Amino acid sequence: LYISDIKDGDFGDAKGADVFTCAEFDESGDYLAAGDKSGRIYVFNANGQARFFLIS
């Protein structure tokens, strides 16, 4: 999965980043967190909204 394949997400400059290297659901299955090699974390919820975090 490439970041540029995700529709309706506001990921700033992240669209040029590499593929997701790690993904995990929370215990309820309502949220999915995915990360890439550059330290960016993307959190998706079941209703299709996404948030972007940069871990430094």
PDB file of N, CA and C in Angstrom:
ATOM      1  N   LEU A   1       0.850  -1.178   0.000  1.00  0.00           N
ATOM      2  CA  LEU A   1       0.000   0.000   0.000  1.00  0.00           C
ATOM      3  C   LEU A   1       0.889   1.232   0.000  1.00  0.00           C
ATOM      4  N   TYR A   2       0.624   2.132  -0.904  1.00  0.00           N
ATOM      5  CA  TYR A   2       1.355   3.382  -0.964  1.00  0.00           C
ATOM      6  C   TYR A   2       0.491   4.498  -0.405  1.00  0.00           C
ATOM      7  N   ILE A   3       1.117   5.481   0.225  1.00  0.00           N
ATOM      8  CA  ILE A   3       0.382   6.599   0.802  1.00  0.00           C
ATOM      9  C   ILE A   3      -0.431   7.313  -0.262  1.00  0.00           C
ATOM     10  N   SER A   4       0.089   7.451  -1.451  1.00  0.00           N
ATOM     11  CA  SER A   4      -0.626   8.144  -2.522  1.00  0.00           C
ATOM     12  C   SER A   4      -1.875   7.396  -2.971  1.00  0.00           C
ATOM     13  N   ASP A   5      -2.016   6.121  -2.586  1.00  0.00           N
ATOM     14  CA  ASP A   5      -3.207   5.349  -2.938  1.00  0.00           C
ATOM     15  C   ASP A   5      -4.395   5.659  -2.041  1.00  0.00           C
ATOM     16  N   ILE A   6      -4.175   6.353  -0.935  1.00  0.00           N
ATOM     17  CA  ILE A   6      -5.247   6.637   0.014  1.00  0.00           C
ATOM     18  C   ILE A   6      -5.993   7.870  -0.448  1.00  0.00           C
ATOM     19  N   LYS A   7      -7.289   7.742  -0.622  1.00  0.00           N
ATOM     20  CA  LYS A   7      -8.104   8.845  -1.115  1.00  0.00           C
ATOM     21  C   LYS A   7      -8.597   9.703   0.043  1.00  0.00           C
ATOM     22  N   ASP A   8      -8.786  10.979  -0.204  1.00  0.00           N
ATOM     23  CA  ASP A   8      -9.375  11.936   0.732  1.00  0.00           C
ATOM     24  C   ASP A   8      -8.552  12.133   1.997  1.00  0.00           C
ATOM     25  N   GLY A   9      -7.282  11.851   1.963  1.00  0.00           N
ATOM     26  CA  GLY A   9      -6.437  12.078   3.133  1.00  0.00           C
ATOM     27  C   GLY A   9      -5.629  13.351   2.953  1.00  0.00           C
ATOM     28  N   ASP A  10      -5.464  14.122   4.014  1.00  0.00           N
ATOM     29  CA  ASP A  10      -4.634  15.318   3.971  1.00  0.00           C
ATOM     30  C   ASP A  10      -3.325  14.983   4.667  1.00  0.00           C
ATOM     31  N   PHE A  11      -2.331  14.544   3.901  1.00  0.00           N
ATOM     32  CA  PHE A  11      -1.089  14.081   4.476  1.00  0.00           C
ATOM     33  C   PHE A  11       0.064  15.040   4.227  1.00  0.00           C
ATOM     34  N   GLY A  12      -0.209  16.247   3.827  1.00  0.00           N
ATOM     35  CA  GLY A  12       0.844  17.228   3.623  1.00  0.00           C
ATOM     36  C   GLY A  12       1.863  16.748   2.613  1.00  0.00           C
ATOM     37  N   ASP A  13       3.143  16.792   2.996  1.00  0.00           N
ATOM     38  CA  ASP A  13       4.214  16.389   2.083  1.00  0.00           C
ATOM     39  C   ASP A  13       4.485  14.894   2.115  1.00  0.00           C
ATOM     40  N   ALA A  14       3.673  14.143   2.800  1.00  0.00           N
ATOM     41  CA  ALA A  14       3.927  12.711   2.971  1.00  0.00           C
ATOM     42  C   ALA A  14       3.653  11.888   1.723  1.00  0.00           C
ATOM     43  N   LYS A  15       2.987  12.448   0.732  1.00  0.00           N
ATOM     44  CA  LYS A  15       2.658  11.653  -0.451  1.00  0.00           C
ATOM     45  C   LYS A  15       3.896  11.165  -1.186  1.00  0.00           C
ATOM     46  N   GLY A  16       5.023  11.797  -0.975  1.00  0.00           N
ATOM     47  CA  GLY A  16       6.252  11.348  -1.605  1.00  0.00           C
ATOM     48  C   GLY A  16       7.013  10.330  -0.767  1.00  0.00           C
ATOM     49  N   ALA A  17       6.470   9.972   0.372  1.00  0.00           N
ATOM     50  CA  ALA A  17       7.156   9.034   1.274  1.00  0.00           C
ATOM     51  C   ALA A  17       7.069   7.613   0.743  1.00  0.00           C
ATOM     52  N   ASP A  18       7.761   6.731   1.423  1.00  0.00           N
ATOM     53  CA  ASP A  18       7.801   5.340   0.984  1.00  0.00           C
ATOM     54  C   ASP A  18       6.566   4.569   1.451  1.00  0.00           C
ATOM     55  N   VAL A  19       6.583   3.290   1.190  1.00  0.00           N
ATOM     56  CA  VAL A  19       5.455   2.425   1.537  1.00  0.00           C
ATOM     57  C   VAL A  19       5.357   2.265   3.046  1.00  0.00           C
ATOM     58  N   PHE A  20       4.176   1.850   3.512  1.00  0.00           N
ATOM     59  CA  PHE A  20       4.007   1.554   4.931  1.00  0.00           C
ATOM     60  C   PHE A  20       4.861   0.350   5.292  1.00  0.00           C
ATOM     61  N   THR A  21       5.544   0.427   6.411  1.00  0.00           N
ATOM     62  CA  THR A  21       6.397  -0.672   6.848  1.00  0.00           C
ATOM     63  C   THR A  21       5.854  -1.378   8.080  1.00  0.00           C
ATOM     64  N   CYS A  22       4.842  -0.792   8.713  1.00  0.00           N
ATOM     65  CA  CYS A  22       4.269  -1.379   9.919  1.00  0.00           C
ATOM     66  C   CYS A  22       2.805  -0.963  10.004  1.00  0.00           C
ATOM     67  N   ALA A  23       1.943  -1.888  10.407  1.00  0.00           N
ATOM     68  CA  ALA A  23       0.524  -1.574  10.579  1.00  0.00           C
ATOM     69  C   ALA A  23      -0.034  -2.417  11.717  1.00  0.00           C
ATOM     70  N   GLU A  24      -0.945  -1.798  12.495  1.00  0.00           N
ATOM     71  CA  GLU A  24      -1.539  -2.537  13.606  1.00  0.00           C
ATOM     72  C   GLU A  24      -2.902  -1.944  13.955  1.00  0.00           C
ATOM     73  N   PHE A  25      -3.882  -2.825  14.210  1.00  0.00           N
ATOM     74  CA  PHE A  25      -5.201  -2.414  14.677  1.00  0.00           C
ATOM     75  C   PHE A  25      -5.183  -2.282  16.191  1.00  0.00           C
ATOM     76  N   ASP A  26      -6.084  -1.423  16.729  1.00  0.00           N
ATOM     77  CA  ASP A  26      -6.244  -1.391  18.179  1.00  0.00           C
ATOM     78  C   ASP A  26      -7.108  -2.574  18.613  1.00  0.00           C
ATOM     79  N   GLU A  27      -7.296  -2.738  19.917  1.00  0.00           N
ATOM     80  CA  GLU A  27      -8.027  -3.896  20.434  1.00  0.00           C
ATOM     81  C   GLU A  27      -9.467  -3.965  19.940  1.00  0.00           C
ATOM     82  N   SER A  28     -10.107  -2.805  19.737  1.00  0.00           N
ATOM     83  CA  SER A  28     -11.504  -2.786  19.293  1.00  0.00           C
ATOM     84  C   SER A  28     -11.643  -3.005  17.793  1.00  0.00           C
ATOM     85  N   GLY A  29     -10.570  -2.801  17.035  1.00  0.00           N
ATOM     86  CA  GLY A  29     -10.624  -2.920  15.586  1.00  0.00           C
ATOM     87  C   GLY A  29     -11.148  -1.671  14.905  1.00  0.00           C
ATOM     88  N   ASP A  30     -11.382  -0.607  15.682  1.00  0.00           N
ATOM     89  CA  ASP A  30     -11.906   0.640  15.130  1.00  0.00           C
ATOM     90  C   ASP A  30     -10.818   1.528  14.531  1.00  0.00           C
ATOM     91  N   TYR A  31      -9.590   1.346  14.948  1.00  0.00           N
ATOM     92  CA  TYR A  31      -8.492   2.191  14.489  1.00  0.00           C
ATOM     93  C   TYR A  31      -7.359   1.338  13.931  1.00  0.00           C
ATOM     94  N   LEU A  32      -6.722   1.870  12.898  1.00  0.00           N
ATOM     95  CA  LEU A  32      -5.555   1.240  12.297  1.00  0.00           C
ATOM     96  C   LEU A  32      -4.432   2.268  12.290  1.00  0.00           C
ATOM     97  N   ALA A  33      -3.294   1.923  12.841  1.00  0.00           N
ATOM     98  CA  ALA A  33      -2.114   2.784  12.792  1.00  0.00           C
ATOM     99  C   ALA A  33      -1.129   2.162  11.812  1.00  0.00           C
ATOM    100  N   ALA A  34      -0.578   2.991  10.944  1.00  0.00           N
ATOM    101  CA  ALA A  34       0.406   2.524   9.970  1.00  0.00           C
ATOM    102  C   ALA A  34       1.579   3.493   9.984  1.00  0.00           C
ATOM    103  N   GLY A  35       2.782   2.964   9.860  1.00  0.00           N
ATOM    104  CA  GLY A  35       3.973   3.802   9.882  1.00  0.00           C
ATOM    105  C   GLY A  35       4.875   3.529   8.699  1.00  0.00           C
ATOM    106  N   ASP A  36       5.718   4.517   8.388  1.00  0.00           N
ATOM    107  CA  ASP A  36       6.699   4.332   7.324  1.00  0.00           C
ATOM    108  C   ASP A  36       8.108   4.499   7.890  1.00  0.00           C
ATOM    109  N   LYS A  37       9.112   4.279   7.075  1.00  0.00           N
ATOM    110  CA  LYS A  37      10.503   4.306   7.526  1.00  0.00           C
ATOM    111  C   LYS A  37      10.960   5.682   7.989  1.00  0.00           C
ATOM    112  N   SER A  38      10.289   6.732   7.560  1.00  0.00           N
ATOM    113  CA  SER A  38      10.713   8.078   7.934  1.00  0.00           C
ATOM    114  C   SER A  38      10.143   8.520   9.275  1.00  0.00           C
ATOM    115  N   GLY A  39       9.373   7.666   9.952  1.00  0.00           N
ATOM    116  CA  GLY A  39       8.844   7.998  11.269  1.00  0.00           C
ATOM    117  C   GLY A  39       7.455   8.587  11.259  1.00  0.00           C
ATOM    118  N   ARG A  40       6.823   8.633  10.118  1.00  0.00           N
ATOM    119  CA  ARG A  40       5.455   9.147  10.050  1.00  0.00           C
ATOM    120  C   ARG A  40       4.484   8.058  10.487  1.00  0.00           C
ATOM    121  N   ILE A  41       3.489   8.458  11.275  1.00  0.00           N
ATOM    122  CA  ILE A  41       2.447   7.546  11.734  1.00  0.00           C
ATOM    123  C   ILE A  41       1.115   8.061  11.208  1.00  0.00           C
ATOM    124  N   TYR A  42       0.332   7.172  10.630  1.00  0.00           N
ATOM    125  CA  TYR A  42      -0.981   7.508  10.094  1.00  0.00           C
ATOM    126  C   TYR A  42      -2.005   6.713  10.881  1.00  0.00           C
ATOM    127  N   VAL A  43      -3.048   7.379  11.370  1.00  0.00           N
ATOM    128  CA  VAL A  43      -4.083   6.707  12.147  1.00  0.00           C
ATOM    129  C   VAL A  43      -5.390   6.828  11.379  1.00  0.00           C
ATOM    130  N   PHE A  44      -5.988   5.694  11.082  1.00  0.00           N
ATOM    131  CA  PHE A  44      -7.244   5.629  10.344  1.00  0.00           C
ATOM    132  C   PHE A  44      -8.313   5.084  11.275  1.00  0.00           C
ATOM    133  N   ASN A  45      -9.546   5.605  11.150  1.00  0.00           N
ATOM    134  CA  ASN A  45     -10.622   5.010  11.933  1.00  0.00           C
ATOM    135  C   ASN A  45     -11.660   4.402  11.008  1.00  0.00           C
ATOM    136  N   ALA A  46     -12.607   3.676  11.578  1.00  0.00           N
ATOM    137  CA  ALA A  46     -13.550   2.881  10.798  1.00  0.00           C
ATOM    138  C   ALA A  46     -14.444   3.723   9.896  1.00  0.00           C
ATOM    139  N   ASN A  47     -14.648   5.001  10.203  1.00  0.00           N
ATOM    140  CA  ASN A  47     -15.520   5.818   9.360  1.00  0.00           C
ATOM    141  C   ASN A  47     -14.774   6.487   8.208  1.00  0.00           C
ATOM    142  N   GLY A  48     -13.516   6.129   8.006  1.00  0.00           N
ATOM    143  CA  GLY A  48     -12.777   6.604   6.840  1.00  0.00           C
ATOM    144  C   GLY A  48     -11.930   7.839   7.065  1.00  0.00           C
ATOM    145  N   GLN A  49     -11.963   8.429   8.249  1.00  0.00           N
ATOM    146  CA  GLN A  49     -11.135   9.595   8.517  1.00  0.00           C
ATOM    147  C   GLN A  49      -9.710   9.153   8.817  1.00  0.00           C
ATOM    148  N   ALA A  50      -8.766  10.010   8.492  1.00  0.00           N
ATOM    149  CA  ALA A  50      -7.357   9.685   8.729  1.00  0.00           C
ATOM    150  C   ALA A  50      -6.662  10.878   9.355  1.00  0.00           C
ATOM    151  N   ARG A  51      -5.679  10.611  10.184  1.00  0.00           N
ATOM    152  CA  ARG A  51      -4.854  11.654  10.793  1.00  0.00           C
ATOM    153  C   ARG A  51      -3.388  11.302  10.562  1.00  0.00           C
ATOM    154  N   PHE A  52      -2.562  12.328  10.518  1.00  0.00           N
ATOM    155  CA  PHE A  52      -1.139  12.169  10.222  1.00  0.00           C
ATOM    156  C   PHE A  52      -0.323  12.682  11.401  1.00  0.00           C
ATOM    157  N   PHE A  53       0.663  11.919  11.839  1.00  0.00           N
ATOM    158  CA  PHE A  53       1.538  12.320  12.934  1.00  0.00           C
ATOM    159  C   PHE A  53       2.981  12.093  12.514  1.00  0.00           C
ATOM    160  N   LEU A  54       3.856  12.990  12.921  1.00  0.00           N
ATOM    161  CA  LEU A  54       5.287  12.818  12.679  1.00  0.00           C
ATOM    162  C   LEU A  54       5.956  12.590  14.024  1.00  0.00           C
ATOM    163  N   ILE A  55       6.565  11.438  14.193  1.00  0.00           N
ATOM    164  CA  ILE A  55       7.244  11.095  15.436  1.00  0.00           C
ATOM    165  C   ILE A  55       8.715  11.457  15.275  1.00  0.00           C
ATOM    166  N   SER A  56       9.214  12.313  16.157  1.00  0.00           N
ATOM    167  CA  SER A  56      10.623  12.718  16.030  1.00  0.00           C
ATOM    168  C   SER A  56      11.460  12.165  17.149  1.00  0.00           C
TER     169      SER A  56
END
